[in-house]
PDB file of N, CA and C in Angstrom:
ATOM      1  N   UNK A   1      92.621  86.999 106.307  1.00  0.00           N
ATOM      2  CA  UNK A   1      93.056  86.240 107.391  1.00  0.00           C
ATOM      3  C   UNK A   1      94.106  85.202 107.123  1.00  0.00           C
ATOM      4  N   UNK A   2      93.951  84.620 105.874  1.00  0.00           N
ATOM      5  CA  UNK A   2      94.923  83.590 105.527  1.00  0.00           C
ATOM      6  C   UNK A   2      96.350  84.190 105.268  1.00  0.00           C
ATOM      7  N   UNK A   3      96.300  85.428 104.611  1.00  0.00           N
ATOM      8  CA  UNK A   3      97.601  86.140 104.419  1.00  0.00           C
ATOM      9  C   UNK A   3      98.270  86.460 105.770  1.00  0.00           C
ATOM     10  N   UNK A   4      97.470  86.865 106.691  1.00  0.00           N
ATOM     11  CA  UNK A   4      97.978  87.195 108.087  1.00  0.00           C
ATOM     12  C   UNK A   4      98.596  85.929 108.665  1.00  0.00           C
ATOM     13  N   UNK A   5      97.920  84.812 108.595  1.00  0.00           N
ATOM     14  CA  UNK A   5      98.395  83.560 109.017  1.00  0.00           C
ATOM     15  C   UNK A   5      99.729  83.138 108.313  1.00  0.00           C
ATOM     16  N   UNK A   6      99.808  83.375 107.070  1.00  0.00           N
ATOM     17  CA  UNK A   6     101.065  83.053 106.299  1.00  0.00           C
ATOM     18  C   UNK A   6     102.231  83.891 106.755  1.00  0.00           C
ATOM     19  N   UNK A   7     101.944  85.161 107.068  1.00  0.00           N
ATOM     20  CA  UNK A   7     102.947  86.095 107.512  1.00  0.00           C
ATOM     21  C   UNK A   7     103.515  85.592 108.893  1.00  0.00           C
ATOM     22  N   UNK A   8     102.592  85.112 109.766  1.00  0.00           N
ATOM     23  CA  UNK A   8     103.037  84.681 111.071  1.00  0.00           C
ATOM     24  C   UNK A   8     103.778  83.431 110.957  1.00  0.00           C
ATOM     25  N   UNK A   9     103.358  82.460 110.128  1.00  0.00           N
ATOM     26  CA  UNK A   9     104.004  81.162 110.046  1.00  0.00           C
ATOM     27  C   UNK A   9     105.227  81.090 109.101  1.00  0.00           C
ATOM     28  N   UNK A  10     105.317  82.183 108.185  1.00  0.00           N
ATOM     29  CA  UNK A  10     106.301  82.190 107.232  1.00  0.00           C
ATOM     30  C   UNK A  10     106.024  81.291 106.038  1.00  0.00           C
ATOM     31  N   UNK A  11     104.781  80.833 105.968  1.00  0.00           N
ATOM     32  CA  UNK A  11     104.275  79.995 104.877  1.00  0.00           C
ATOM     33  C   UNK A  11     103.164  80.740 104.141  1.00  0.00           C
ATOM     34  N   UNK A  12     103.476  81.359 103.049  1.00  0.00           N
ATOM     35  CA  UNK A  12     102.557  82.246 102.314  1.00  0.00           C
ATOM     36  C   UNK A  12     101.267  81.519 101.777  1.00  0.00           C
ATOM     37  N   UNK A  13     100.178  82.176 101.806  1.00  0.00           N
ATOM     38  CA  UNK A  13      98.896  81.577 101.256  1.00  0.00           C
ATOM     39  C   UNK A  13      98.890  81.714  99.733  1.00  0.00           C
ATOM     40  N   UNK A  14      99.309  82.836  99.194  1.00  0.00           N
ATOM     41  CA  UNK A  14      99.304  83.107  97.801  1.00  0.00           C
ATOM     42  C   UNK A  14     100.698  82.921  97.290  1.00  0.00           C
ATOM     43  N   UNK A  15     100.997  81.806  96.635  1.00  0.00           N
ATOM     44  CA  UNK A  15     102.366  81.412  96.226  1.00  0.00           C
ATOM     45  C   UNK A  15     102.604  81.579  94.749  1.00  0.00           C
ATOM     46  N   UNK A  16     101.601  81.930  93.935  1.00  0.00           N
ATOM     47  CA  UNK A  16     101.849  81.968  92.533  1.00  0.00           C
ATOM     48  C   UNK A  16     102.874  82.924  92.127  1.00  0.00           C
ATOM     49  N   UNK A  17     103.029  84.002  92.716  1.00  0.00           N
ATOM     50  CA  UNK A  17     104.068  85.060  92.453  1.00  0.00           C
ATOM     51  C   UNK A  17     105.446  84.568  92.734  1.00  0.00           C
ATOM     52  N   UNK A  18     105.558  83.561  93.666  1.00  0.00           N
ATOM     53  CA  UNK A  18     106.799  83.014  94.080  1.00  0.00           C
ATOM     54  C   UNK A  18     107.289  81.813  93.359  1.00  0.00           C
ATOM     55  N   UNK A  19     106.402  81.177  92.571  1.00  0.00           N
ATOM     56  CA  UNK A  19     106.748  79.853  91.979  1.00  0.00           C
ATOM     57  C   UNK A  19     107.916  79.895  90.974  1.00  0.00           C
ATOM     58  N   UNK A  20     107.790  80.870  90.000  1.00  0.00           N
ATOM     59  CA  UNK A  20     108.791  80.913  89.004  1.00  0.00           C
ATOM     60  C   UNK A  20     110.243  81.267  89.533  1.00  0.00           C
ATOM     61  N   UNK A  21     110.308  82.316  90.364  1.00  0.00           N
ATOM     62  CA  UNK A  21     111.544  82.640  90.976  1.00  0.00           C
ATOM     63  C   UNK A  21     112.144  81.516  91.797  1.00  0.00           C
ATOM     64  N   UNK A  22     111.288  80.820  92.533  1.00  0.00           N
ATOM     65  CA  UNK A  22     111.820  79.639  93.368  1.00  0.00           C
ATOM     66  C   UNK A  22     112.334  78.521  92.409  1.00  0.00           C
ATOM     67  N   UNK A  23     111.696  78.295  91.296  1.00  0.00           N
ATOM     68  CA  UNK A  23     111.994  77.240  90.334  1.00  0.00           C
ATOM     69  C   UNK A  23     113.455  77.646  89.736  1.00  0.00           C
ATOM     70  N   UNK A  24     113.549  78.955  89.357  1.00  0.00           N
ATOM     71  CA  UNK A  24     114.818  79.391  88.841  1.00  0.00           C
ATOM     72  C   UNK A  24     115.913  79.265  89.860  1.00  0.00           C
ATOM     73  N   UNK A  25     115.633  79.538  91.081  1.00  0.00           N
ATOM     74  CA  UNK A  25     116.605  79.453  92.175  1.00  0.00           C
ATOM     75  C   UNK A  25     117.100  78.062  92.384  1.00  0.00           C
ATOM     76  N   UNK A  26     116.204  77.041  92.059  1.00  0.00           N
ATOM     77  CA  UNK A  26     116.523  75.726  92.252  1.00  0.00           C
ATOM     78  C   UNK A  26     117.446  75.272  91.073  1.00  0.00           C
ATOM     79  N   UNK A  27     117.685  76.125  90.026  1.00  0.00           N
ATOM     80  CA  UNK A  27     118.625  75.783  88.916  1.00  0.00           C
ATOM     81  C   UNK A  27     118.016  75.527  87.647  1.00  0.00           C
ATOM     82  N   UNK A  28     116.678  75.507  87.518  1.00  0.00           N
ATOM     83  CA  UNK A  28     116.045  75.233  86.271  1.00  0.00           C
ATOM     84  C   UNK A  28     116.129  76.381  85.410  1.00  0.00           C
ATOM     85  N   UNK A  29     116.229  76.191  84.094  1.00  0.00           N
ATOM     86  CA  UNK A  29     116.331  77.228  83.112  1.00  0.00           C
ATOM     87  C   UNK A  29     115.290  77.100  82.032  1.00  0.00           C
ATOM     88  N   UNK A  30     115.134  78.123  81.260  1.00  0.00           N
ATOM     89  CA  UNK A  30     114.102  78.187  80.204  1.00  0.00           C
ATOM     90  C   UNK A  30     112.759  77.816  80.660  1.00  0.00           C
ATOM     91  N   UNK A  31     112.371  78.412  81.764  1.00  0.00           N
ATOM     92  CA  UNK A  31     111.002  78.143  82.377  1.00  0.00           C
ATOM     93  C   UNK A  31     109.854  78.898  81.544  1.00  0.00           C
ATOM     94  N   UNK A  32     108.859  78.208  81.247  1.00  0.00           N
ATOM     95  CA  UNK A  32     107.749  78.743  80.536  1.00  0.00           C
ATOM     96  C   UNK A  32     106.643  78.841  81.547  1.00  0.00           C
ATOM     97  N   UNK A  33     106.112  80.080  81.722  1.00  0.00           N
ATOM     98  CA  UNK A  33     105.038  80.317  82.669  1.00  0.00           C
ATOM     99  C   UNK A  33     103.756  80.599  81.940  1.00  0.00           C
ATOM    100  N   UNK A  34     102.674  79.816  82.310  1.00  0.00           N
ATOM    101  CA  UNK A  34     101.356  80.017  81.661  1.00  0.00           C
ATOM    102  C   UNK A  34     100.366  80.280  82.702  1.00  0.00           C
ATOM    103  N   UNK A  35      99.590  81.314  82.518  1.00  0.00           N
ATOM    104  CA  UNK A  35      98.648  81.662  83.548  1.00  0.00           C
ATOM    105  C   UNK A  35      97.148  81.267  82.914  1.00  0.00           C
ATOM    106  N   UNK A  36      96.506  80.409  83.592  1.00  0.00           N
ATOM    107  CA  UNK A  36      95.199  79.957  83.132  1.00  0.00           C
ATOM    108  C   UNK A  36      94.107  80.405  84.088  1.00  0.00           C
ATOM    109  N   UNK A  37      92.938  80.733  83.457  1.00  0.00           N
ATOM    110  CA  UNK A  37      91.817  80.934  84.290  1.00  0.00           C
ATOM    111  C   UNK A  37      91.004  79.609  84.383  1.00  0.00           C
ATOM    112  N   UNK A  38      90.785  79.194  85.596  1.00  0.00           N
ATOM    113  CA  UNK A  38      90.123  77.891  85.735  1.00  0.00           C
ATOM    114  C   UNK A  38      88.839  78.026  86.616  1.00  0.00           C
ATOM    115  N   UNK A  39      87.753  77.595  86.046  1.00  0.00           N
ATOM    116  CA  UNK A  39      86.498  77.736  86.722  1.00  0.00           C
ATOM    117  C   UNK A  39      86.379  76.970  88.118  1.00  0.00           C
ATOM    118  N   UNK A  40      85.565  77.496  89.011  1.00  0.00           N
ATOM    119  CA  UNK A  40      85.322  76.748  90.263  1.00  0.00           C
ATOM    120  C   UNK A  40      83.814  76.563  90.366  1.00  0.00           C
ATOM    121  N   UNK A  41      83.416  75.412  90.050  1.00  0.00           N
ATOM    122  CA  UNK A  41      81.930  75.107  90.110  1.00  0.00           C
ATOM    123  C   UNK A  41      81.420  74.740  88.690  1.00  0.00           C
ATOM    124  N   UNK A  42      80.065  74.555  88.718  1.00  0.00           N
ATOM    125  CA  UNK A  42      79.432  74.043  87.430  1.00  0.00           C
ATOM    126  C   UNK A  42      78.818  75.163  86.716  1.00  0.00           C
ATOM    127  N   UNK A  43      79.263  76.435  86.741  1.00  0.00           N
ATOM    128  CA  UNK A  43      78.647  77.500  86.066  1.00  0.00           C
ATOM    129  C   UNK A  43      78.956  77.619  84.592  1.00  0.00           C
ATOM    130  N   UNK A  44      80.131  77.073  84.064  1.00  0.00           N
ATOM    131  CA  UNK A  44      80.352  77.231  82.601  1.00  0.00           C
ATOM    132  C   UNK A  44      79.323  76.510  81.774  1.00  0.00           C
ATOM    133  N   UNK A  45      79.023  77.163  80.663  1.00  0.00           N
ATOM    134  CA  UNK A  45      78.149  76.424  79.700  1.00  0.00           C
ATOM    135  C   UNK A  45      78.871  75.427  78.912  1.00  0.00           C
ATOM    136  N   UNK A  46      80.129  75.634  78.641  1.00  0.00           N
ATOM    137  CA  UNK A  46      80.948  74.672  77.901  1.00  0.00           C
ATOM    138  C   UNK A  46      81.144  73.368  78.767  1.00  0.00           C
ATOM    139  N   UNK A  47      80.789  72.197  78.196  1.00  0.00           N
ATOM    140  CA  UNK A  47      80.823  70.960  78.989  1.00  0.00           C
ATOM    141  C   UNK A  47      82.125  70.556  79.518  1.00  0.00           C
ATOM    142  N   UNK A  48      83.168  70.826  78.736  1.00  0.00           N
ATOM    143  CA  UNK A  48      84.570  70.513  79.240  1.00  0.00           C
ATOM    144  C   UNK A  48      84.961  71.506  80.419  1.00  0.00           C
ATOM    145  N   UNK A  49      84.666  72.726  80.330  1.00  0.00           N
ATOM    146  CA  UNK A  49      84.981  73.690  81.375  1.00  0.00           C
ATOM    147  C   UNK A  49      84.083  73.388  82.592  1.00  0.00           C
ATOM    148  N   UNK A  50      82.896  72.946  82.427  1.00  0.00           N
ATOM    149  CA  UNK A  50      81.962  72.580  83.472  1.00  0.00           C
ATOM    150  C   UNK A  50      82.549  71.339  84.330  1.00  0.00           C
ATOM    151  N   UNK A  51      83.073  70.319  83.500  1.00  0.00           N
ATOM    152  CA  UNK A  51      83.675  69.178  84.120  1.00  0.00           C
ATOM    153  C   UNK A  51      84.957  69.619  84.948  1.00  0.00           C
ATOM    154  N   UNK A  52      85.753  70.522  84.372  1.00  0.00           N
ATOM    155  CA  UNK A  52      86.923  70.986  85.068  1.00  0.00           C
ATOM    156  C   UNK A  52      86.543  71.764  86.276  1.00  0.00           C
ATOM    157  N   UNK A  53      85.495  72.633  86.147  1.00  0.00           N
ATOM    158  CA  UNK A  53      85.044  73.424  87.387  1.00  0.00           C
ATOM    159  C   UNK A  53      84.585  72.539  88.467  1.00  0.00           C
ATOM    160  N   UNK A  54      83.850  71.397  88.154  1.00  0.00           N
ATOM    161  CA  UNK A  54      83.312  70.543  89.079  1.00  0.00           C
ATOM    162  C   UNK A  54      84.492  69.741  89.867  1.00  0.00           C
ATOM    163  N   UNK A  55      85.471  69.383  89.079  1.00  0.00           N
ATOM    164  CA  UNK A  55      86.679  68.729  89.712  1.00  0.00           C
ATOM    165  C   UNK A  55      87.364  69.703  90.619  1.00  0.00           C
ATOM    166  N   UNK A  56      87.519  70.904  90.192  1.00  0.00           N
ATOM    167  CA  UNK A  56      88.264  71.931  90.924  1.00  0.00           C
ATOM    168  C   UNK A  56      87.466  72.268  92.261  1.00  0.00           C
ATOM    169  N   UNK A  57      86.197  72.366  92.120  1.00  0.00           N
ATOM    170  CA  UNK A  57      85.324  72.598  93.246  1.00  0.00           C
ATOM    171  C   UNK A  57      85.455  71.501  94.298  1.00  0.00           C
ATOM    172  N   UNK A  58      85.359  70.179  93.814  1.00  0.00           N
ATOM    173  CA  UNK A  58      85.524  69.104  94.723  1.00  0.00           C
ATOM    174  C   UNK A  58      86.867  69.108  95.421  1.00  0.00           C
ATOM    175  N   UNK A  59      87.936  69.411  94.683  1.00  0.00           N
ATOM    176  CA  UNK A  59      89.262  69.484  95.348  1.00  0.00           C
ATOM    177  C   UNK A  59      89.373  70.634  96.362  1.00  0.00           C
ATOM    178  N   UNK A  60      88.813  71.691  96.017  1.00  0.00           N
ATOM    179  CA  UNK A  60      88.835  72.973  96.877  1.00  0.00           C
ATOM    180  C   UNK A  60      88.002  72.669  98.102  1.00  0.00           C
ATOM    181  N   UNK A  61      86.788  72.117  97.896  1.00  0.00           N
ATOM    182  CA  UNK A  61      85.841  71.894  98.987  1.00  0.00           C
ATOM    183  C   UNK A  61      86.366  70.890 100.050  1.00  0.00           C
ATOM    184  N   UNK A  62      86.964  69.825  99.500  1.00  0.00           N
ATOM    185  CA  UNK A  62      87.367  68.636 100.445  1.00  0.00           C
ATOM    186  C   UNK A  62      88.702  69.022 101.117  1.00  0.00           C
ATOM    187  N   UNK A  63      89.448  69.922 100.619  1.00  0.00           N
ATOM    188  CA  UNK A  63      90.736  70.346 101.288  1.00  0.00           C
ATOM    189  C   UNK A  63      90.655  71.551 102.135  1.00  0.00           C
ATOM    190  N   UNK A  64      89.742  72.381 101.862  1.00  0.00           N
ATOM    191  CA  UNK A  64      89.681  73.709 102.508  1.00  0.00           C
ATOM    192  C   UNK A  64      89.347  73.598 103.985  1.00  0.00           C
ATOM    193  N   UNK A  65      88.363  72.761 104.310  1.00  0.00           N
ATOM    194  CA  UNK A  65      87.939  72.753 105.708  1.00  0.00           C
ATOM    195  C   UNK A  65      89.059  72.379 106.660  1.00  0.00           C
ATOM    196  N   UNK A  66      89.830  71.293 106.387  1.00  0.00           N
ATOM    197  CA  UNK A  66      90.884  70.900 107.209  1.00  0.00           C
ATOM    198  C   UNK A  66      91.953  71.855 107.261  1.00  0.00           C
ATOM    199  N   UNK A  67      92.343  72.470 106.126  1.00  0.00           N
ATOM    200  CA  UNK A  67      93.359  73.455 106.104  1.00  0.00           C
ATOM    201  C   UNK A  67      93.017  74.721 106.867  1.00  0.00           C
ATOM    202  N   UNK A  68      91.751  75.160 106.611  1.00  0.00           N
ATOM    203  CA  UNK A  68      91.298  76.370 107.320  1.00  0.00           C
ATOM    204  C   UNK A  68      91.125  76.121 108.806  1.00  0.00           C
ATOM    205  N   UNK A  69      90.660  75.023 109.216  1.00  0.00           N
ATOM    206  CA  UNK A  69      90.462  74.689 110.676  1.00  0.00           C
ATOM    207  C   UNK A  69      91.836  74.706 111.317  1.00  0.00           C
ATOM    208  N   UNK A  70      92.856  74.057 110.713  1.00  0.00           N
ATOM    209  CA  UNK A  70      94.151  73.973 111.370  1.00  0.00           C
ATOM    210  C   UNK A  70      94.819  75.451 111.438  1.00  0.00           C
ATOM    211  N   UNK A  71      94.740  76.140 110.297  1.00  0.00           N
ATOM    212  CA  UNK A  71      95.492  77.407 110.286  1.00  0.00           C
ATOM    213  C   UNK A  71      94.734  78.500 111.138  1.00  0.00           C
ATOM    214  N   UNK A  72      93.452  78.516 110.977  1.00  0.00           N
ATOM    215  CA  UNK A  72      92.748  79.617 111.770  1.00  0.00           C
ATOM    216  C   UNK A  72      92.774  79.343 113.225  1.00  0.00           C
ATOM    217  N   UNK A  73      92.585  78.126 113.710  1.00  0.00           N
ATOM    218  CA  UNK A  73      92.559  77.846 115.098  1.00  0.00           C
ATOM    219  C   UNK A  73      93.935  77.882 115.759  1.00  0.00           C
ATOM    220  N   UNK A  74      94.890  77.231 115.088  1.00  0.00           N
ATOM    221  CA  UNK A  74      96.245  77.090 115.717  1.00  0.00           C
ATOM    222  C   UNK A  74      97.066  78.351 115.577  1.00  0.00           C
ATOM    223  N   UNK A  75      96.967  79.143 114.442  1.00  0.00           N
ATOM    224  CA  UNK A  75      97.736  80.319 114.264  1.00  0.00           C
ATOM    225  C   UNK A  75      97.069  81.617 114.653  1.00  0.00           C
ATOM    226  N   UNK A  76      95.812  81.778 114.315  1.00  0.00           N
ATOM    227  CA  UNK A  76      95.087  83.064 114.566  1.00  0.00           C
ATOM    228  C   UNK A  76      94.285  82.930 115.828  1.00  0.00           C
ATOM    229  N   UNK A  77      94.065  81.805 116.433  1.00  0.00           N
ATOM    230  CA  UNK A  77      93.285  81.677 117.596  1.00  0.00           C
ATOM    231  C   UNK A  77      91.749  81.760 117.432  1.00  0.00           C
ATOM    232  N   UNK A  78      91.314  81.477 116.234  1.00  0.00           N
ATOM    233  CA  UNK A  78      89.845  81.593 115.967  1.00  0.00           C
ATOM    234  C   UNK A  78      89.240  80.356 116.566  1.00  0.00           C
ATOM    235  N   UNK A  79      88.051  80.534 117.143  1.00  0.00           N
ATOM    236  CA  UNK A  79      87.378  79.365 117.773  1.00  0.00           C
ATOM    237  C   UNK A  79      86.911  78.373 116.707  1.00  0.00           C
ATOM    238  N   UNK A  80      86.736  77.123 117.051  1.00  0.00           N
ATOM    239  CA  UNK A  80      86.336  76.034 116.205  1.00  0.00           C
ATOM    240  C   UNK A  80      84.952  76.437 115.496  1.00  0.00           C
ATOM    241  N   UNK A  81      84.129  76.994 116.369  1.00  0.00           N
ATOM    242  CA  UNK A  81      82.738  77.353 115.894  1.00  0.00           C
ATOM    243  C   UNK A  81      82.745  78.416 114.792  1.00  0.00           C
ATOM    244  N   UNK A  82      83.567  79.427 115.074  1.00  0.00           N
ATOM    245  CA  UNK A  82      83.705  80.547 114.069  1.00  0.00           C
ATOM    246  C   UNK A  82      84.405  80.068 112.840  1.00  0.00           C
ATOM    247  N   UNK A  83      85.307  79.201 113.015  1.00  0.00           N
ATOM    248  CA  UNK A  83      86.064  78.608 111.749  1.00  0.00           C
ATOM    249  C   UNK A  83      85.017  77.819 110.914  1.00  0.00           C
ATOM    250  N   UNK A  84      84.191  76.998 111.664  1.00  0.00           N
ATOM    251  CA  UNK A  84      83.249  76.212 110.919  1.00  0.00           C
ATOM    252  C   UNK A  84      82.252  77.061 110.245  1.00  0.00           C
ATOM    253  N   UNK A  85      81.760  78.137 110.842  1.00  0.00           N
ATOM    254  CA  UNK A  85      80.878  79.092 110.216  1.00  0.00           C
ATOM    255  C   UNK A  85      81.411  79.740 108.941  1.00  0.00           C
ATOM    256  N   UNK A  86      82.697  80.182 109.091  1.00  0.00           N
ATOM    257  CA  UNK A  86      83.445  80.703 107.907  1.00  0.00           C
ATOM    258  C   UNK A  86      83.437  79.693 106.790  1.00  0.00           C
ATOM    259  N   UNK A  87      83.784  78.445 107.111  1.00  0.00           N
ATOM    260  CA  UNK A  87      83.923  77.450 106.102  1.00  0.00           C
ATOM    261  C   UNK A  87      82.575  77.142 105.475  1.00  0.00           C
ATOM    262  N   UNK A  88      81.486  77.044 106.192  1.00  0.00           N
ATOM    263  CA  UNK A  88      80.200  76.793 105.679  1.00  0.00           C
ATOM    264  C   UNK A  88      79.696  77.966 104.824  1.00  0.00           C
ATOM    265  N   UNK A  89      80.029  79.153 105.210  1.00  0.00           N
ATOM    266  CA  UNK A  89      79.638  80.288 104.441  1.00  0.00           C
ATOM    267  C   UNK A  89      80.322  80.299 103.024  1.00  0.00           C
ATOM    268  N   UNK A  90      81.591  79.921 103.018  1.00  0.00           N
ATOM    269  CA  UNK A  90      82.392  79.813 101.787  1.00  0.00           C
ATOM    270  C   UNK A  90      81.832  78.638 100.978  1.00  0.00           C
ATOM    271  N   UNK A  91      81.508  77.564 101.642  1.00  0.00           N
ATOM    272  CA  UNK A  91      80.974  76.326 100.912  1.00  0.00           C
ATOM    273  C   UNK A  91      79.676  76.712 100.211  1.00  0.00           C
ATOM    274  N   UNK A  92      78.889  77.404 100.952  1.00  0.00           N
ATOM    275  CA  UNK A  92      77.583  77.762 100.336  1.00  0.00           C
ATOM    276  C   UNK A  92      77.721  78.718  99.149  1.00  0.00           C
ATOM    277  N   UNK A  93      78.664  79.581  99.251  1.00  0.00           N
ATOM    278  CA  UNK A  93      78.922  80.571  98.125  1.00  0.00           C
ATOM    279  C   UNK A  93      79.442  79.750  96.920  1.00  0.00           C
ATOM    280  N   UNK A  94      80.369  78.797  97.186  1.00  0.00           N
ATOM    281  CA  UNK A  94      80.938  78.151  95.974  1.00  0.00           C
ATOM    282  C   UNK A  94      80.045  77.086  95.386  1.00  0.00           C
ATOM    283  N   UNK A  95      79.171  76.476  96.160  1.00  0.00           N
ATOM    284  CA  UNK A  95      78.219  75.375  95.734  1.00  0.00           C
ATOM    285  C   UNK A  95      76.863  75.983  95.187  1.00  0.00           C
ATOM    286  N   UNK A  96      76.385  77.166  95.787  1.00  0.00           N
ATOM    287  CA  UNK A  96      75.068  77.665  95.484  1.00  0.00           C
ATOM    288  C   UNK A  96      75.127  79.134  94.921  1.00  0.00           C
ATOM    289  N   UNK A  97      76.294  79.597  94.731  1.00  0.00           N
ATOM    290  CA  UNK A  97      76.496  80.943  94.067  1.00  0.00           C
ATOM    291  C   UNK A  97      75.865  82.012  94.862  1.00  0.00           C
TER     292      UNK A  97
END
């Protein structure tokens, strides 16, 4: 659904593939691209990765509802109730696995 909304608005949801070419187009040179796997939640056994995962979860969780509500209701015409249900389902999956 988010990819569809991005196509409609011209603002893509998945931007990682576009970042390096965009930076090069802006005139930067010798760009080093590093791809990292970042945990989402408290599942890692390593304490540092667990802390990173909790911070990422907090950032994801606090920003997603507003972004999803605006995008899904305004662009795709999803009802507020349906949008809230989608968000809560995703929230439960990320916080309770």
